[in-house]
Each structure stands twice: as C-alpha cells, then as structure tokens.
Amino acid sequence: MSVERINPAELSPPTGFSHAVTATGGRLVLLAGQTSLDGDGKLVGSTLPEQFEQALTNLLTALAAAGGTPSDLARVTVYATDVADYRERAPELGRIWHRLAGRDYPAMAVIGAVRLWDEQALVELDGIAAVD
C-alpha cells in the first residue's frame, strides 16, 4: 500500500500531523481506541505523558499484529480529558511519538473529552492504517 502525506503550502505549516493523507492499494486496518491499560487491564501512569506513551504503544502493538508499521498510519484521533494540558505538553508528547512511531505523521485531531471509558484515563488514541 502506498501512503502519501500532503501538506499544501497554502495551509499553516503542520506541527506533529499531516493535513491530508492518501492511501492506495493494500488493505485498511481500523484500530480501536487504546488507553494506557497494560496486558493485565490495569491503567499505567498517572501523568499525561506516561499514559500517552502506553496508549501509543498499545495502538502500535495492535497495528503490528495486523501486519502494519507506524508509517502505515493514515489517521490518528487523540481524545484528551484536558486539552490545555495536552497543548502544554505537546513538545514532550512529540518526542514520545518520534521515539515510538518515527517522523511520518498521519492526519491527526485532538478532541477534548469529559471522561473516557477507563475513568482514570487521561488520553485515548484510535487510528486508521493502510497496510500492504
């Protein structure tokens, strides 16, 4: 599958996301929302960066099990219970993303949520990938 990231010069420069992503060929993988639950179903981390790292790890684990890699991600949605905290910690969260997923950014959105399924969760990530 071919994934192409598109960032038109007419739009503001993207930081930590791509404005558009096209995918041709292959198969679509829909990734369920992942919080920072470990393999035993226990929430990991008390801070946003700790929970973000585990949630992203979980998302990438599900993607790998479907035969994909981080560069196959076409879309990721981040649900955060405190968007102001997310914005403040964006540089740190970006470093976590780079370490785990590299520099190929999918189309992304951050959406504020009053609470998530796991009551103590601060962040949840879901995604769509285009896999060969």
C-alpha atoms as a PDB file:
ATOM      1  CA  MET A   1       0.000   0.000   0.000  1.00  0.00           C
ATOM      2  CA  SER A   2       1.170   3.468  -0.787  1.00  0.00           C
ATOM      3  CA  VAL A   3       0.607   6.215   1.789  1.00  0.00           C
ATOM      4  CA  GLU A   4       1.269   9.798   0.733  1.00  0.00           C
ATOM      5  CA  ARG A   5       1.298  12.741   3.128  1.00  0.00           C
ATOM      6  CA  ILE A   6       0.062  16.036   1.666  1.00  0.00           C
ATOM      7  CA  ASN A   7       0.754  19.419   3.252  1.00  0.00           C
ATOM      8  CA  PRO A   8      -0.344  22.279   0.956  1.00  0.00           C
ATOM      9  CA  ALA A   9       1.748  25.454   1.137  1.00  0.00           C
ATOM     10  CA  GLU A  10      -1.489  27.470   1.422  1.00  0.00           C
ATOM     11  CA  LEU A  11      -2.202  25.978   4.876  1.00  0.00           C
ATOM     12  CA  SER A  12      -0.348  26.708   8.091  1.00  0.00           C
ATOM     13  CA  PRO A  13       2.760  24.537   8.493  1.00  0.00           C
ATOM     14  CA  PRO A  14       1.776  21.296  10.228  1.00  0.00           C
ATOM     15  CA  THR A  15       3.434  20.510  13.537  1.00  0.00           C
ATOM     16  CA  GLY A  16       3.043  16.897  14.605  1.00  0.00           C
ATOM     17  CA  PHE A  17       0.454  15.983  11.949  1.00  0.00           C
ATOM     18  CA  SER A  18      -0.184  15.967   8.195  1.00  0.00           C
ATOM     19  CA  HIS A  19      -3.024  17.967   6.630  1.00  0.00           C
ATOM     20  CA  ALA A  20      -4.054  15.098   4.346  1.00  0.00           C
ATOM     21  CA  VAL A  21      -3.025  11.503   3.738  1.00  0.00           C
ATOM     22  CA  THR A  22      -3.911   9.399   0.731  1.00  0.00           C
ATOM     23  CA  ALA A  23      -3.712   5.605   0.633  1.00  0.00           C
ATOM     24  CA  THR A  24      -3.869   3.405  -2.447  1.00  0.00           C
ATOM     25  CA  GLY A  25      -3.806  -0.387  -2.755  1.00  0.00           C
ATOM     26  CA  GLY A  26      -3.498  -2.855   0.123  1.00  0.00           C
ATOM     27  CA  ARG A  27      -5.982  -3.106   2.975  1.00  0.00           C
ATOM     28  CA  LEU A  28      -7.472  -0.800   5.559  1.00  0.00           C
ATOM     29  CA  VAL A  29      -6.864  -1.500   9.260  1.00  0.00           C
ATOM     30  CA  LEU A  30      -9.217   0.174  11.746  1.00  0.00           C
ATOM     31  CA  LEU A  31      -7.616   0.485  15.175  1.00  0.00           C
ATOM     32  CA  ALA A  32      -9.808   0.602  18.272  1.00  0.00           C
ATOM     33  CA  GLY A  33      -9.320   3.259  20.913  1.00  0.00           C
ATOM     34  CA  GLN A  34      -6.401   2.485  23.203  1.00  0.00           C
ATOM     35  CA  THR A  35      -5.817   3.916  26.658  1.00  0.00           C
ATOM     36  CA  SER A  36      -2.864   3.141  28.911  1.00  0.00           C
ATOM     37  CA  LEU A  37      -4.072  -0.277  30.029  1.00  0.00           C
ATOM     38  CA  ASP A  38      -1.364  -2.901  30.410  1.00  0.00           C
ATOM     39  CA  GLY A  39      -1.745  -6.570  29.471  1.00  0.00           C
ATOM     40  CA  ASP A  40      -3.490  -7.249  32.787  1.00  0.00           C
ATOM     41  CA  GLY A  41      -6.061  -4.498  32.227  1.00  0.00           C
ATOM     42  CA  LYS A  42      -4.503  -2.113  34.770  1.00  0.00           C
ATOM     43  CA  LEU A  43      -4.050   1.570  33.962  1.00  0.00           C
ATOM     44  CA  VAL A  44      -0.367   2.531  33.624  1.00  0.00           C
ATOM     45  CA  GLY A  45       0.873   6.009  34.527  1.00  0.00           C
ATOM     46  CA  SER A  46      -0.576   8.946  36.392  1.00  0.00           C
ATOM     47  CA  THR A  47       0.601  11.745  34.083  1.00  0.00           C
ATOM     48  CA  LEU A  48      -0.441  12.553  30.533  1.00  0.00           C
ATOM     49  CA  PRO A  49       2.996  11.727  29.028  1.00  0.00           C
ATOM     50  CA  GLU A  50       3.118   8.358  30.824  1.00  0.00           C
ATOM     51  CA  GLN A  51      -0.380   7.469  29.697  1.00  0.00           C
ATOM     52  CA  PHE A  52       0.213   8.778  26.163  1.00  0.00           C
ATOM     53  CA  GLU A  53       3.300   6.583  25.804  1.00  0.00           C
ATOM     54  CA  GLN A  54       1.428   3.450  26.906  1.00  0.00           C
ATOM     55  CA  ALA A  55      -1.647   4.261  24.785  1.00  0.00           C
ATOM     56  CA  LEU A  56       0.544   4.828  21.704  1.00  0.00           C
ATOM     57  CA  THR A  57       2.457   1.626  22.456  1.00  0.00           C
ATOM     58  CA  ASN A  58      -0.871  -0.230  22.639  1.00  0.00           C
ATOM     59  CA  LEU A  59      -2.058   1.292  19.350  1.00  0.00           C
ATOM     60  CA  LEU A  60       1.209   0.337  17.630  1.00  0.00           C
ATOM     61  CA  THR A  61       1.034  -3.180  19.098  1.00  0.00           C
ATOM     62  CA  ALA A  62      -2.440  -3.664  17.608  1.00  0.00           C
ATOM     63  CA  LEU A  63      -1.184  -2.252  14.297  1.00  0.00           C
ATOM     64  CA  ALA A  64       1.817  -4.617  14.265  1.00  0.00           C
ATOM     65  CA  ALA A  65      -0.472  -7.586  14.994  1.00  0.00           C
ATOM     66  CA  ALA A  66      -2.419  -6.598  11.850  1.00  0.00           C
ATOM     67  CA  GLY A  67       0.824  -6.538   9.843  1.00  0.00           C
ATOM     68  CA  GLY A  68       1.412  -2.789   9.875  1.00  0.00           C
ATOM     69  CA  THR A  69       4.105  -0.341  10.912  1.00  0.00           C
ATOM     70  CA  PRO A  70       3.844   3.228  12.237  1.00  0.00           C
ATOM     71  CA  SER A  71       4.461   4.634   8.735  1.00  0.00           C
ATOM     72  CA  ASP A  72       1.217   2.912   7.639  1.00  0.00           C
ATOM     73  CA  LEU A  73      -0.879   5.131   9.926  1.00  0.00           C
ATOM     74  CA  ALA A  74      -3.124   7.344   7.809  1.00  0.00           C
ATOM     75  CA  ARG A  75      -5.253   8.806  10.619  1.00  0.00           C
ATOM     76  CA  VAL A  76      -4.983   9.045  14.413  1.00  0.00           C
ATOM     77  CA  THR A  77      -7.507  10.676  16.711  1.00  0.00           C
ATOM     78  CA  VAL A  78      -6.415  11.662  20.207  1.00  0.00           C
ATOM     79  CA  TYR A  79      -9.084  12.074  22.884  1.00  0.00           C
ATOM     80  CA  ALA A  80      -7.791  14.073  25.854  1.00  0.00           C
ATOM     81  CA  THR A  81      -9.573  14.878  29.102  1.00  0.00           C
ATOM     82  CA  ASP A  82      -7.537  18.109  29.425  1.00  0.00           C
ATOM     83  CA  VAL A  83      -6.733  19.742  26.083  1.00  0.00           C
ATOM     84  CA  ALA A  84      -4.859  22.624  27.774  1.00  0.00           C
ATOM     85  CA  ASP A  85      -2.533  20.096  29.451  1.00  0.00           C
ATOM     86  CA  TYR A  86      -2.117  18.297  26.108  1.00  0.00           C
ATOM     87  CA  ARG A  87      -1.141  21.577  24.370  1.00  0.00           C
ATOM     88  CA  GLU A  88       1.271  22.466  27.178  1.00  0.00           C
ATOM     89  CA  ARG A  89       2.965  19.065  26.986  1.00  0.00           C
ATOM     90  CA  ALA A  90       2.913  18.846  23.180  1.00  0.00           C
ATOM     91  CA  PRO A  91       6.720  19.033  22.810  1.00  0.00           C
ATOM     92  CA  GLU A  92       7.185  16.120  25.234  1.00  0.00           C
ATOM     93  CA  LEU A  93       4.380  14.134  23.587  1.00  0.00           C
ATOM     94  CA  GLY A  94       6.022  14.824  20.220  1.00  0.00           C
ATOM     95  CA  ARG A  95       9.293  13.344  21.485  1.00  0.00           C
ATOM     96  CA  ILE A  96       7.408  10.231  22.621  1.00  0.00           C
ATOM     97  CA  TRP A  97       5.766   9.989  19.181  1.00  0.00           C
ATOM     98  CA  HIS A  98       9.163  10.332  17.425  1.00  0.00           C
ATOM     99  CA  ARG A  99      10.729   7.630  19.594  1.00  0.00           C
ATOM    100  CA  LEU A 100       7.893   5.143  19.098  1.00  0.00           C
ATOM    101  CA  ALA A 101       6.409   5.996  15.694  1.00  0.00           C
ATOM    102  CA  GLY A 102       9.060   7.977  13.827  1.00  0.00           C
ATOM    103  CA  ARG A 103       8.599  11.172  11.840  1.00  0.00           C
ATOM    104  CA  ASP A 104       5.870  10.073   9.434  1.00  0.00           C
ATOM    105  CA  TYR A 105       2.801  11.882  10.729  1.00  0.00           C
ATOM    106  CA  PRO A 106      -0.734  10.764   9.935  1.00  0.00           C
ATOM    107  CA  ALA A 107      -3.662  13.132   9.631  1.00  0.00           C
ATOM    108  CA  MET A 108      -4.498  13.850  13.279  1.00  0.00           C
ATOM    109  CA  ALA A 109      -7.023  15.537  15.528  1.00  0.00           C
ATOM    110  CA  VAL A 110      -7.085  16.150  19.271  1.00  0.00           C
ATOM    111  CA  ILE A 111     -10.580  16.135  20.748  1.00  0.00           C
ATOM    112  CA  GLY A 112     -11.462  17.168  24.286  1.00  0.00           C
ATOM    113  CA  ALA A 113     -13.457  14.580  26.232  1.00  0.00           C
ATOM    114  CA  VAL A 114     -15.156  14.961  29.600  1.00  0.00           C
ATOM    115  CA  ARG A 115     -14.069  11.438  30.514  1.00  0.00           C
ATOM    116  CA  LEU A 116     -13.004   8.236  28.825  1.00  0.00           C
ATOM    117  CA  TRP A 117     -14.209   4.640  29.220  1.00  0.00           C
ATOM    118  CA  ASP A 118     -11.472   3.953  31.760  1.00  0.00           C
ATOM    119  CA  GLU A 119     -12.333   6.576  34.367  1.00  0.00           C
ATOM    120  CA  GLN A 120      -8.714   7.344  35.341  1.00  0.00           C
ATOM    121  CA  ALA A 121      -7.553   7.546  31.718  1.00  0.00           C
ATOM    122  CA  LEU A 122      -6.297  10.946  30.581  1.00  0.00           C
ATOM    123  CA  VAL A 123      -5.858  10.072  26.908  1.00  0.00           C
ATOM    124  CA  GLU A 124      -7.106   7.597  24.306  1.00  0.00           C
ATOM    125  CA  LEU A 125      -5.865   7.065  20.735  1.00  0.00           C
ATOM    126  CA  ASP A 126      -7.567   5.356  17.815  1.00  0.00           C
ATOM    127  CA  GLY A 127      -6.467   5.153  14.220  1.00  0.00           C
ATOM    128  CA  ILE A 128      -6.757   4.032  10.644  1.00  0.00           C
ATOM    129  CA  ALA A 129      -3.849   2.449   8.806  1.00  0.00           C
ATOM    130  CA  ALA A 130      -3.244   1.470   5.186  1.00  0.00           C
ATOM    131  CA  VAL A 131      -1.276  -1.794   5.186  1.00  0.00           C
ATOM    132  CA  ASP A 132       0.276  -3.711   2.273  1.00  0.00           C
END
